[in-house]
N, C-alpha and C. Protein backbone atom coordinates (compact mmCIF):
# COMPACT_ATOMS: atom_id res chain seq x y z
N MET A 1 2.87 -23.27 11.43
CA MET A 1 1.89 -23.06 12.51
C MET A 1 1.86 -21.59 12.91
N ARG A 2 3.06 -20.96 12.99
CA ARG A 2 3.11 -19.56 13.37
C ARG A 2 2.44 -18.69 12.32
N MET A 3 2.62 -19.06 11.02
CA MET A 3 2.00 -18.30 9.95
C MET A 3 0.48 -18.37 10.06
N THR A 4 -0.04 -19.57 10.33
CA THR A 4 -1.49 -19.74 10.46
C THR A 4 -2.05 -18.91 11.59
N SER A 5 -1.37 -18.92 12.72
CA SER A 5 -1.81 -18.13 13.89
C SER A 5 -1.81 -16.65 13.57
N THR A 6 -0.78 -16.21 12.85
CA THR A 6 -0.67 -14.79 12.50
C THR A 6 -1.81 -14.37 11.58
N ILE A 7 -2.09 -15.21 10.58
CA ILE A 7 -3.16 -14.91 9.64
C ILE A 7 -4.51 -14.84 10.33
N ILE A 8 -4.77 -15.80 11.22
CA ILE A 8 -6.04 -15.82 11.95
C ILE A 8 -6.19 -14.57 12.81
N ALA A 9 -5.09 -14.19 13.47
CA ALA A 9 -5.13 -13.01 14.34
C ALA A 9 -5.39 -11.76 13.54
N LEU A 10 -4.74 -11.63 12.39
CA LEU A 10 -4.92 -10.42 11.59
C LEU A 10 -6.29 -10.40 10.94
N ALA A 11 -6.82 -11.56 10.59
CA ALA A 11 -8.17 -11.61 10.03
C ALA A 11 -9.18 -11.14 11.06
N ALA A 12 -8.98 -11.55 12.29
CA ALA A 12 -9.88 -11.14 13.37
C ALA A 12 -9.79 -9.64 13.60
N LEU A 13 -8.56 -9.12 13.51
CA LEU A 13 -8.35 -7.69 13.71
C LEU A 13 -9.07 -6.90 12.62
N ALA A 14 -8.94 -7.36 11.38
CA ALA A 14 -9.56 -6.66 10.26
C ALA A 14 -11.08 -6.67 10.36
N CYS A 15 -11.64 -7.75 10.86
CA CYS A 15 -13.10 -7.87 10.94
C CYS A 15 -13.67 -7.18 12.17
N SER A 16 -12.89 -7.06 13.22
CA SER A 16 -13.42 -6.55 14.48
C SER A 16 -13.24 -5.06 14.67
N SER A 17 -12.31 -4.46 13.95
CA SER A 17 -12.02 -3.04 14.17
C SER A 17 -12.64 -2.17 13.10
N PRO A 18 -13.62 -1.35 13.43
CA PRO A 18 -14.28 -0.46 12.47
C PRO A 18 -13.29 0.49 11.83
N ALA A 19 -12.24 0.84 12.56
CA ALA A 19 -11.27 1.81 12.05
C ALA A 19 -10.58 1.29 10.81
N LEU A 20 -10.51 -0.03 10.64
CA LEU A 20 -9.81 -0.59 9.50
C LEU A 20 -10.69 -0.64 8.26
N ALA A 21 -11.92 -0.22 8.39
CA ALA A 21 -12.83 -0.27 7.25
C ALA A 21 -12.40 0.67 6.14
N ILE A 22 -11.54 1.65 6.46
CA ILE A 22 -11.07 2.60 5.47
C ILE A 22 -10.25 1.91 4.39
N ASP A 23 -9.60 0.81 4.72
CA ASP A 23 -8.80 0.09 3.74
C ASP A 23 -9.76 -0.57 2.77
N LEU A 24 -9.70 -0.20 1.49
CA LEU A 24 -10.65 -0.71 0.51
C LEU A 24 -10.58 -2.22 0.35
N ASN A 25 -9.44 -2.82 0.68
CA ASN A 25 -9.31 -4.27 0.63
C ASN A 25 -9.27 -4.80 2.06
N PRO A 26 -10.37 -5.35 2.58
CA PRO A 26 -10.43 -5.80 3.97
C PRO A 26 -9.48 -6.95 4.27
N PHE A 27 -8.96 -7.60 3.23
CA PHE A 27 -8.04 -8.71 3.44
C PHE A 27 -6.59 -8.27 3.26
N GLY A 28 -6.37 -6.96 3.23
CA GLY A 28 -5.02 -6.43 3.05
C GLY A 28 -4.06 -6.91 4.12
N TYR A 29 -4.54 -7.00 5.36
CA TYR A 29 -3.68 -7.42 6.45
C TYR A 29 -3.31 -8.89 6.33
N ILE A 30 -4.26 -9.70 5.84
CA ILE A 30 -3.98 -11.12 5.64
C ILE A 30 -2.95 -11.28 4.54
N LYS A 31 -3.11 -10.52 3.46
CA LYS A 31 -2.17 -10.55 2.34
C LYS A 31 -0.77 -10.18 2.83
N ASP A 32 -0.68 -9.14 3.64
CA ASP A 32 0.60 -8.71 4.19
C ASP A 32 1.25 -9.83 4.99
N ALA A 33 0.44 -10.53 5.78
CA ALA A 33 0.96 -11.59 6.64
C ALA A 33 1.51 -12.75 5.83
N VAL A 34 0.79 -13.11 4.77
CA VAL A 34 1.23 -14.21 3.92
C VAL A 34 2.54 -13.85 3.22
N GLU A 35 2.61 -12.62 2.68
CA GLU A 35 3.81 -12.19 1.98
C GLU A 35 5.00 -12.11 2.92
N ALA A 36 4.75 -11.69 4.15
CA ALA A 36 5.82 -11.47 5.11
C ALA A 36 6.61 -12.73 5.44
N VAL A 37 5.96 -13.89 5.32
CA VAL A 37 6.61 -15.15 5.66
C VAL A 37 7.87 -15.37 4.84
N ALA A 38 7.84 -14.94 3.57
CA ALA A 38 8.97 -15.18 2.67
C ALA A 38 9.98 -14.04 2.66
N GLU A 39 9.74 -13.01 3.42
CA GLU A 39 10.64 -11.86 3.41
C GLU A 39 11.88 -12.08 4.26
N ASP A 40 12.93 -11.37 3.86
CA ASP A 40 14.19 -11.42 4.58
C ASP A 40 14.19 -10.36 5.68
N ARG A 41 13.24 -10.52 6.60
CA ARG A 41 13.11 -9.57 7.72
C ARG A 41 12.77 -10.33 8.98
N SER A 42 13.05 -9.71 10.11
CA SER A 42 12.75 -10.34 11.38
C SER A 42 11.25 -10.25 11.66
N ALA A 43 10.76 -11.17 12.49
CA ALA A 43 9.35 -11.17 12.87
C ALA A 43 9.00 -9.88 13.61
N ASP A 44 9.96 -9.35 14.36
CA ASP A 44 9.74 -8.12 15.12
C ASP A 44 9.54 -6.94 14.17
N ASN A 45 10.34 -6.88 13.11
CA ASN A 45 10.22 -5.78 12.16
C ASN A 45 8.89 -5.84 11.42
N ILE A 46 8.48 -7.04 11.04
CA ILE A 46 7.21 -7.21 10.36
C ILE A 46 6.05 -6.85 11.28
N SER A 47 6.15 -7.23 12.54
CA SER A 47 5.11 -6.92 13.53
C SER A 47 4.98 -5.41 13.71
N LYS A 48 6.10 -4.71 13.71
CA LYS A 48 6.08 -3.25 13.85
C LYS A 48 5.33 -2.62 12.69
N ASP A 49 5.52 -3.16 11.49
CA ASP A 49 4.82 -2.63 10.32
C ASP A 49 3.31 -2.80 10.45
N VAL A 50 2.90 -4.00 10.88
CA VAL A 50 1.46 -4.29 11.03
C VAL A 50 0.83 -3.36 12.05
N GLN A 51 1.51 -3.17 13.18
CA GLN A 51 0.99 -2.31 14.24
C GLN A 51 0.95 -0.85 13.80
N LEU A 52 2.01 -0.42 13.08
CA LEU A 52 2.06 0.97 12.64
C LEU A 52 0.97 1.25 11.62
N LYS A 53 0.75 0.34 10.70
CA LYS A 53 -0.31 0.52 9.70
C LYS A 53 -1.67 0.64 10.39
N ALA A 54 -1.94 -0.25 11.32
CA ALA A 54 -3.22 -0.22 12.03
C ALA A 54 -3.40 1.09 12.78
N ALA A 55 -2.32 1.58 13.40
CA ALA A 55 -2.40 2.83 14.16
C ALA A 55 -2.67 4.03 13.26
N ILE A 56 -2.00 4.07 12.11
CA ILE A 56 -2.19 5.20 11.19
C ILE A 56 -3.60 5.18 10.60
N VAL A 57 -4.05 4.01 10.16
CA VAL A 57 -5.40 3.90 9.60
C VAL A 57 -6.45 4.33 10.62
N ALA A 58 -6.28 3.87 11.86
CA ALA A 58 -7.24 4.22 12.91
C ALA A 58 -7.24 5.72 13.19
N SER A 59 -6.04 6.32 13.23
CA SER A 59 -5.92 7.74 13.54
C SER A 59 -6.48 8.61 12.42
N ILE A 60 -6.19 8.24 11.16
CA ILE A 60 -6.71 9.01 10.03
C ILE A 60 -8.23 8.92 10.00
N THR A 61 -8.76 7.74 10.23
CA THR A 61 -10.21 7.55 10.24
C THR A 61 -10.87 8.37 11.35
N ASP A 62 -10.25 8.35 12.52
CA ASP A 62 -10.80 9.05 13.68
C ASP A 62 -10.79 10.56 13.48
N LYS A 63 -9.69 11.08 12.91
CA LYS A 63 -9.54 12.53 12.80
C LYS A 63 -10.09 13.13 11.52
N MET A 64 -10.21 12.32 10.47
CA MET A 64 -10.65 12.86 9.19
C MET A 64 -11.96 12.26 8.69
N GLY A 65 -12.34 11.13 9.26
CA GLY A 65 -13.63 10.53 8.92
C GLY A 65 -13.82 10.21 7.46
N ALA A 66 -15.03 10.47 6.96
CA ALA A 66 -15.41 10.10 5.60
C ALA A 66 -14.69 10.91 4.53
N ASP A 67 -13.99 11.97 4.93
CA ASP A 67 -13.29 12.80 3.96
C ASP A 67 -12.21 12.05 3.21
N ILE A 68 -11.70 10.98 3.80
CA ILE A 68 -10.58 10.28 3.19
C ILE A 68 -10.89 8.79 2.97
N ALA A 69 -12.09 8.50 2.52
CA ALA A 69 -12.50 7.12 2.31
C ALA A 69 -11.66 6.40 1.27
N SER A 70 -11.00 7.15 0.40
CA SER A 70 -10.23 6.51 -0.67
C SER A 70 -8.72 6.47 -0.38
N VAL A 71 -8.31 6.85 0.81
CA VAL A 71 -6.89 6.86 1.15
C VAL A 71 -6.43 5.48 1.62
N SER A 72 -5.28 5.03 1.10
CA SER A 72 -4.70 3.75 1.50
C SER A 72 -3.35 3.97 2.17
N THR A 73 -3.05 3.12 3.14
CA THR A 73 -1.79 3.20 3.88
C THR A 73 -1.01 1.91 3.71
N ASP A 74 0.24 2.02 3.31
CA ASP A 74 1.13 0.87 3.22
C ASP A 74 2.38 1.16 4.02
N VAL A 75 2.89 0.15 4.71
CA VAL A 75 4.07 0.32 5.56
C VAL A 75 5.10 -0.75 5.25
N TYR A 76 6.35 -0.34 5.10
CA TYR A 76 7.44 -1.30 4.90
C TYR A 76 8.66 -0.81 5.66
N GLU A 77 9.10 -1.60 6.62
CA GLU A 77 10.22 -1.24 7.50
C GLU A 77 10.00 0.12 8.15
N GLN A 78 8.77 0.35 8.55
CA GLN A 78 8.29 1.56 9.22
C GLN A 78 8.32 2.83 8.37
N ASN A 79 8.60 2.66 7.07
CA ASN A 79 8.41 3.75 6.12
C ASN A 79 6.97 3.66 5.64
N VAL A 80 6.35 4.80 5.39
CA VAL A 80 4.92 4.83 5.11
C VAL A 80 4.62 5.42 3.74
N LEU A 81 3.77 4.73 2.98
CA LEU A 81 3.30 5.23 1.69
C LEU A 81 1.81 5.50 1.78
N LEU A 82 1.42 6.74 1.53
CA LEU A 82 0.01 7.13 1.51
C LEU A 82 -0.40 7.37 0.06
N THR A 83 -1.49 6.73 -0.37
CA THR A 83 -2.00 6.93 -1.72
C THR A 83 -3.51 7.12 -1.67
N GLY A 84 -4.08 7.49 -2.80
CA GLY A 84 -5.52 7.70 -2.86
C GLY A 84 -5.84 9.07 -3.42
N VAL A 85 -7.08 9.50 -3.23
CA VAL A 85 -7.53 10.78 -3.77
C VAL A 85 -8.32 11.54 -2.72
N VAL A 86 -8.01 12.84 -2.56
CA VAL A 86 -8.79 13.72 -1.69
C VAL A 86 -9.10 14.99 -2.49
N GLU A 87 -9.98 15.82 -1.96
CA GLU A 87 -10.42 16.99 -2.72
C GLU A 87 -9.64 18.27 -2.41
N THR A 88 -8.89 18.28 -1.31
CA THR A 88 -8.17 19.51 -0.97
C THR A 88 -6.73 19.23 -0.54
N LYS A 89 -5.87 20.22 -0.71
CA LYS A 89 -4.48 20.10 -0.27
C LYS A 89 -4.40 19.97 1.25
N ALA A 90 -5.37 20.61 1.94
CA ALA A 90 -5.39 20.54 3.40
C ALA A 90 -5.61 19.11 3.88
N GLN A 91 -6.46 18.37 3.18
CA GLN A 91 -6.72 16.98 3.54
C GLN A 91 -5.48 16.12 3.32
N LYS A 92 -4.81 16.35 2.20
CA LYS A 92 -3.58 15.61 1.91
C LYS A 92 -2.54 15.88 2.99
N SER A 93 -2.39 17.15 3.33
CA SER A 93 -1.42 17.55 4.35
C SER A 93 -1.74 16.96 5.71
N GLN A 94 -3.03 16.97 6.07
CA GLN A 94 -3.44 16.43 7.36
C GLN A 94 -3.14 14.94 7.47
N ALA A 95 -3.43 14.20 6.41
CA ALA A 95 -3.15 12.76 6.41
C ALA A 95 -1.65 12.51 6.57
N GLY A 96 -0.84 13.32 5.87
CA GLY A 96 0.61 13.18 5.98
C GLY A 96 1.12 13.48 7.38
N THR A 97 0.55 14.50 7.99
CA THR A 97 0.95 14.88 9.35
C THR A 97 0.61 13.78 10.36
N ILE A 98 -0.55 13.20 10.19
CA ILE A 98 -0.98 12.11 11.09
C ILE A 98 0.00 10.95 10.99
N ALA A 99 0.37 10.58 9.76
CA ALA A 99 1.30 9.47 9.55
C ALA A 99 2.68 9.80 10.12
N LYS A 100 3.11 11.03 9.94
CA LYS A 100 4.42 11.46 10.42
C LYS A 100 4.52 11.39 11.94
N HIS A 101 3.43 11.72 12.62
CA HIS A 101 3.43 11.74 14.08
C HIS A 101 3.11 10.39 14.71
N ALA A 102 2.82 9.40 13.90
CA ALA A 102 2.55 8.07 14.45
C ALA A 102 3.82 7.49 15.04
N LYS A 103 3.69 6.85 16.18
CA LYS A 103 4.83 6.27 16.87
C LYS A 103 5.52 5.23 16.00
N ALA A 104 6.84 5.34 15.88
CA ALA A 104 7.69 4.40 15.14
C ALA A 104 7.78 4.68 13.64
N SER A 105 6.98 5.62 13.12
CA SER A 105 7.05 5.89 11.69
C SER A 105 8.36 6.60 11.35
N LYS A 106 8.90 6.28 10.19
CA LYS A 106 10.15 6.86 9.74
C LYS A 106 9.88 7.84 8.60
N LYS A 107 10.19 7.44 7.37
CA LYS A 107 9.98 8.34 6.24
C LYS A 107 8.55 8.21 5.72
N ILE A 108 7.95 9.35 5.36
CA ILE A 108 6.58 9.38 4.85
C ILE A 108 6.59 9.76 3.38
N PHE A 109 5.99 8.92 2.54
CA PHE A 109 5.83 9.23 1.13
C PHE A 109 4.35 9.55 0.92
N ASN A 110 4.05 10.84 0.87
CA ASN A 110 2.65 11.25 0.73
C ASN A 110 2.32 11.43 -0.74
N GLU A 111 1.80 10.38 -1.36
CA GLU A 111 1.47 10.41 -2.78
C GLU A 111 -0.04 10.54 -3.01
N ILE A 112 -0.74 11.04 -2.02
CA ILE A 112 -2.18 11.26 -2.17
C ILE A 112 -2.40 12.31 -3.25
N ILE A 113 -3.30 12.04 -4.15
CA ILE A 113 -3.59 12.97 -5.25
C ILE A 113 -4.74 13.89 -4.87
N VAL A 114 -4.56 15.18 -5.10
CA VAL A 114 -5.61 16.15 -4.83
C VAL A 114 -6.40 16.39 -6.12
N HIS A 115 -7.68 16.07 -6.06
CA HIS A 115 -8.52 16.20 -7.26
C HIS A 115 -9.95 16.48 -6.84
N LYS A 116 -10.43 17.66 -7.17
CA LYS A 116 -11.81 18.02 -6.84
C LYS A 116 -12.73 17.39 -7.87
N LYS A 117 -13.71 16.66 -7.40
CA LYS A 117 -14.63 15.95 -8.29
C LYS A 117 -15.46 16.92 -9.13
N SER A 118 -15.76 16.48 -10.33
CA SER A 118 -16.62 17.25 -11.21
C SER A 118 -17.57 16.29 -11.92
N LYS A 119 -18.54 16.82 -12.62
CA LYS A 119 -19.51 15.99 -13.31
C LYS A 119 -18.86 15.19 -14.43
N LYS A 120 -17.71 15.67 -14.90
CA LYS A 120 -17.03 15.00 -16.00
C LYS A 120 -16.26 13.76 -15.54
N ASP A 121 -16.02 13.67 -14.23
CA ASP A 121 -15.26 12.54 -13.71
C ASP A 121 -16.02 11.23 -13.84
N LYS A 122 -15.28 10.14 -13.95
CA LYS A 122 -15.91 8.83 -13.94
C LYS A 122 -16.44 8.56 -12.54
N GLY A 123 -17.40 7.68 -12.43
CA GLY A 123 -17.95 7.32 -11.12
C GLY A 123 -16.89 6.63 -10.28
N MET A 124 -17.02 6.71 -8.98
CA MET A 124 -16.05 6.10 -8.08
C MET A 124 -15.94 4.60 -8.29
N VAL A 125 -17.06 3.93 -8.51
CA VAL A 125 -17.05 2.48 -8.67
C VAL A 125 -16.26 2.09 -9.91
N GLU A 126 -16.46 2.79 -11.01
CA GLU A 126 -15.76 2.49 -12.25
C GLU A 126 -14.26 2.68 -12.08
N GLY A 127 -13.89 3.80 -11.45
CA GLY A 127 -12.47 4.07 -11.23
C GLY A 127 -11.84 3.02 -10.32
N PHE A 128 -12.58 2.62 -9.30
CA PHE A 128 -12.07 1.63 -8.36
C PHE A 128 -11.81 0.30 -9.06
N VAL A 129 -12.74 -0.10 -9.93
CA VAL A 129 -12.59 -1.36 -10.66
C VAL A 129 -11.36 -1.31 -11.56
N ASP A 130 -11.14 -0.20 -12.25
CA ASP A 130 -9.97 -0.05 -13.11
C ASP A 130 -8.68 -0.27 -12.33
N ASP A 131 -8.55 0.38 -11.21
CA ASP A 131 -7.35 0.27 -10.39
C ASP A 131 -7.21 -1.12 -9.79
N THR A 132 -8.32 -1.73 -9.43
CA THR A 132 -8.27 -3.08 -8.88
C THR A 132 -7.74 -4.06 -9.92
N VAL A 133 -8.18 -3.90 -11.16
CA VAL A 133 -7.70 -4.76 -12.24
C VAL A 133 -6.20 -4.59 -12.44
N ILE A 134 -5.74 -3.35 -12.42
CA ILE A 134 -4.31 -3.08 -12.59
C ILE A 134 -3.51 -3.71 -11.46
N GLU A 135 -4.01 -3.58 -10.23
CA GLU A 135 -3.28 -4.14 -9.08
C GLU A 135 -3.23 -5.66 -9.14
N LYS A 136 -4.32 -6.29 -9.61
CA LYS A 136 -4.33 -7.75 -9.74
C LYS A 136 -3.37 -8.20 -10.82
N LYS A 137 -3.33 -7.45 -11.92
CA LYS A 137 -2.41 -7.79 -13.01
C LYS A 137 -0.97 -7.61 -12.56
N THR A 138 -0.73 -6.57 -11.78
CA THR A 138 0.61 -6.32 -11.25
C THR A 138 1.06 -7.50 -10.41
N ASN A 139 0.19 -7.96 -9.54
CA ASN A 139 0.49 -9.10 -8.68
C ASN A 139 0.82 -10.35 -9.51
N ALA A 140 -0.03 -10.63 -10.50
CA ALA A 140 0.15 -11.83 -11.33
C ALA A 140 1.43 -11.77 -12.14
N LEU A 141 1.70 -10.64 -12.77
CA LEU A 141 2.86 -10.52 -13.65
C LEU A 141 4.18 -10.47 -12.87
N LEU A 142 4.16 -9.85 -11.69
CA LEU A 142 5.39 -9.84 -10.88
C LEU A 142 5.68 -11.23 -10.34
N LEU A 143 4.61 -11.99 -10.04
CA LEU A 143 4.79 -13.37 -9.59
C LEU A 143 5.41 -14.23 -10.69
N GLU A 144 4.99 -13.96 -11.92
CA GLU A 144 5.50 -14.72 -13.06
C GLU A 144 6.91 -14.28 -13.47
N GLY A 145 7.24 -13.03 -13.15
CA GLY A 145 8.51 -12.48 -13.59
C GLY A 145 9.70 -13.13 -12.89
N LYS A 146 10.55 -13.78 -13.66
CA LYS A 146 11.74 -14.42 -13.08
C LYS A 146 12.71 -13.34 -12.61
N GLY A 147 13.27 -13.56 -11.44
CA GLY A 147 14.22 -12.59 -10.91
C GLY A 147 13.58 -11.48 -10.11
N VAL A 148 12.27 -11.59 -9.84
CA VAL A 148 11.57 -10.58 -9.04
C VAL A 148 11.02 -11.25 -7.79
N ASN A 149 11.50 -10.84 -6.62
CA ASN A 149 11.02 -11.38 -5.35
C ASN A 149 9.80 -10.56 -4.93
N VAL A 150 8.65 -10.96 -5.42
CA VAL A 150 7.44 -10.17 -5.27
C VAL A 150 7.06 -9.93 -3.81
N THR A 151 7.48 -10.81 -2.91
CA THR A 151 7.08 -10.67 -1.51
C THR A 151 7.62 -9.40 -0.86
N ASN A 152 8.68 -8.82 -1.44
CA ASN A 152 9.25 -7.60 -0.87
C ASN A 152 8.66 -6.33 -1.45
N PHE A 153 7.74 -6.48 -2.42
CA PHE A 153 7.15 -5.32 -3.08
C PHE A 153 5.73 -5.05 -2.61
N ARG A 154 5.37 -3.78 -2.64
CA ARG A 154 3.98 -3.35 -2.41
C ARG A 154 3.63 -2.45 -3.58
N TRP A 155 2.35 -2.35 -3.92
CA TRP A 155 1.95 -1.47 -5.02
C TRP A 155 0.53 -1.00 -4.85
N ARG A 156 0.28 0.21 -5.37
CA ARG A 156 -1.06 0.79 -5.37
C ARG A 156 -1.25 1.50 -6.71
N SER A 157 -2.46 1.39 -7.25
CA SER A 157 -2.79 2.09 -8.48
C SER A 157 -3.87 3.12 -8.17
N VAL A 158 -3.63 4.35 -8.61
CA VAL A 158 -4.60 5.43 -8.41
C VAL A 158 -4.85 6.08 -9.76
N GLY A 159 -5.98 5.77 -10.36
CA GLY A 159 -6.28 6.31 -11.67
C GLY A 159 -5.27 5.91 -12.74
N GLY A 160 -4.70 4.73 -12.59
CA GLY A 160 -3.72 4.26 -13.56
C GLY A 160 -2.29 4.63 -13.22
N HIS A 161 -2.10 5.46 -12.22
CA HIS A 161 -0.76 5.83 -11.75
C HIS A 161 -0.35 4.82 -10.67
N VAL A 162 0.65 4.00 -10.97
CA VAL A 162 1.05 2.95 -10.04
C VAL A 162 2.22 3.40 -9.19
N PHE A 163 2.10 3.18 -7.89
CA PHE A 163 3.16 3.50 -6.94
C PHE A 163 3.76 2.21 -6.42
N LEU A 164 5.06 2.03 -6.63
CA LEU A 164 5.77 0.86 -6.13
C LEU A 164 6.46 1.20 -4.83
N PHE A 165 6.48 0.24 -3.93
CA PHE A 165 6.99 0.49 -2.58
C PHE A 165 7.60 -0.80 -2.06
N GLY A 166 8.52 -0.71 -1.12
CA GLY A 166 9.12 -1.90 -0.53
C GLY A 166 10.61 -1.97 -0.77
N ARG A 167 11.06 -3.16 -1.19
CA ARG A 167 12.50 -3.39 -1.31
C ARG A 167 12.84 -4.30 -2.49
N ALA A 168 13.88 -3.92 -3.21
CA ALA A 168 14.42 -4.76 -4.28
C ALA A 168 15.79 -5.25 -3.82
N LEU A 169 16.14 -6.46 -4.21
CA LEU A 169 17.42 -7.02 -3.79
C LEU A 169 18.57 -6.53 -4.66
N SER A 170 18.23 -5.91 -5.81
CA SER A 170 19.26 -5.36 -6.70
C SER A 170 18.63 -4.33 -7.62
N LYS A 171 19.46 -3.52 -8.27
CA LYS A 171 18.95 -2.51 -9.20
C LYS A 171 18.31 -3.18 -10.41
N SER A 172 18.87 -4.32 -10.82
CA SER A 172 18.31 -5.02 -11.98
C SER A 172 16.92 -5.58 -11.66
N GLU A 173 16.73 -6.04 -10.41
CA GLU A 173 15.41 -6.54 -10.01
C GLU A 173 14.39 -5.41 -10.03
N LEU A 174 14.76 -4.26 -9.52
CA LEU A 174 13.86 -3.11 -9.49
C LEU A 174 13.51 -2.67 -10.91
N LYS A 175 14.52 -2.62 -11.78
CA LYS A 175 14.28 -2.21 -13.16
C LYS A 175 13.33 -3.17 -13.85
N LYS A 176 13.49 -4.47 -13.60
CA LYS A 176 12.61 -5.46 -14.21
C LYS A 176 11.18 -5.29 -13.71
N ALA A 177 11.04 -5.07 -12.40
CA ALA A 177 9.70 -4.87 -11.82
C ALA A 177 9.03 -3.64 -12.43
N GLU A 178 9.78 -2.56 -12.56
CA GLU A 178 9.23 -1.33 -13.14
C GLU A 178 8.82 -1.55 -14.60
N THR A 179 9.65 -2.28 -15.34
CA THR A 179 9.35 -2.55 -16.76
C THR A 179 8.07 -3.36 -16.89
N ILE A 180 7.90 -4.36 -16.03
CA ILE A 180 6.70 -5.19 -16.05
C ILE A 180 5.46 -4.36 -15.81
N VAL A 181 5.52 -3.51 -14.79
CA VAL A 181 4.35 -2.69 -14.43
C VAL A 181 4.03 -1.67 -15.52
N LYS A 182 5.05 -1.07 -16.10
CA LYS A 182 4.83 -0.07 -17.16
C LYS A 182 4.15 -0.68 -18.38
N GLY A 183 4.32 -1.99 -18.56
CA GLY A 183 3.72 -2.66 -19.72
C GLY A 183 2.28 -3.10 -19.53
N ILE A 184 1.74 -2.89 -18.36
CA ILE A 184 0.36 -3.30 -18.08
C ILE A 184 -0.63 -2.31 -18.70
N LYS A 185 -1.62 -2.83 -19.37
CA LYS A 185 -2.64 -1.99 -20.00
C LYS A 185 -3.36 -1.15 -18.95
N GLY A 186 -3.46 0.14 -19.21
CA GLY A 186 -4.15 1.04 -18.29
C GLY A 186 -3.20 1.81 -17.38
N VAL A 187 -1.95 1.38 -17.30
CA VAL A 187 -0.97 2.08 -16.46
C VAL A 187 -0.44 3.30 -17.22
N SER A 188 -0.63 4.45 -16.65
CA SER A 188 -0.20 5.70 -17.29
C SER A 188 1.14 6.19 -16.79
N LYS A 189 1.49 5.81 -15.55
CA LYS A 189 2.73 6.28 -14.95
C LYS A 189 3.13 5.37 -13.81
N VAL A 190 4.43 5.23 -13.58
CA VAL A 190 4.93 4.43 -12.46
C VAL A 190 5.89 5.27 -11.63
N THR A 191 5.60 5.35 -10.33
CA THR A 191 6.48 6.06 -9.40
C THR A 191 7.01 5.06 -8.40
N SER A 192 8.33 5.03 -8.23
CA SER A 192 8.93 4.04 -7.33
C SER A 192 9.51 4.67 -6.07
N HIS A 193 9.17 4.08 -4.94
CA HIS A 193 9.76 4.43 -3.66
C HIS A 193 10.40 3.16 -3.06
N VAL A 194 10.87 2.31 -3.95
CA VAL A 194 11.48 1.04 -3.55
C VAL A 194 12.95 1.27 -3.20
N VAL A 195 13.38 0.73 -2.07
CA VAL A 195 14.80 0.81 -1.69
C VAL A 195 15.50 -0.42 -2.25
N THR A 196 16.78 -0.28 -2.56
CA THR A 196 17.56 -1.41 -3.07
C THR A 196 18.55 -1.86 -2.01
N ARG A 197 18.43 -3.11 -1.58
CA ARG A 197 19.34 -3.64 -0.58
C ARG A 197 19.45 -5.15 -0.76
N ALA A 198 20.65 -5.64 -0.88
CA ALA A 198 20.88 -7.06 -1.10
C ALA A 198 20.47 -7.88 0.11
N LYS A 199 20.18 -9.16 -0.11
CA LYS A 199 19.80 -10.05 0.97
C LYS A 199 20.99 -10.29 1.87
N LYS A 200 20.75 -10.37 3.18
CA LYS A 200 21.83 -10.58 4.14
C LYS A 200 22.34 -12.00 4.08
């Protein structure tokens, strides 16, 4: 019952707040809520993550506007992962500073890629579809992978570069997760910011 209430509340938040429109997946908050149920964390810690993510997304949108339409924010135990693409180093730095100054934020992993668009680049829609496919495959394969507690992991793909985030219960679990992701077609590189900590 508590899970259902949480999902409904987060769905309403995602639909009612224009500031959350920056998140390319409008159901990201619902996905987080569903995954959180199986995590070895307190409800208070999970709630802090949800609130911190909403605050950072709102602040980045308010201060940077359309300049960062492709930036994504992920939060795990109040550590923050920023991914996406911007055109200048100043934009990347500004997004990182906003996240750093957000109340309750701890460590910031600013993995936003700086890339000035050119005529040779693929269209945004095509690139978005490629990364979406990779992220869906990552989800499916990690779910199938024995010995991988997928609920503790987060991931983002940016031009085929996959960023892993969250928590592994052991070094072997993390290694297996990385191996699975590296084997996905279209993945060019995997960067991990996953912490390793056994279940209490």
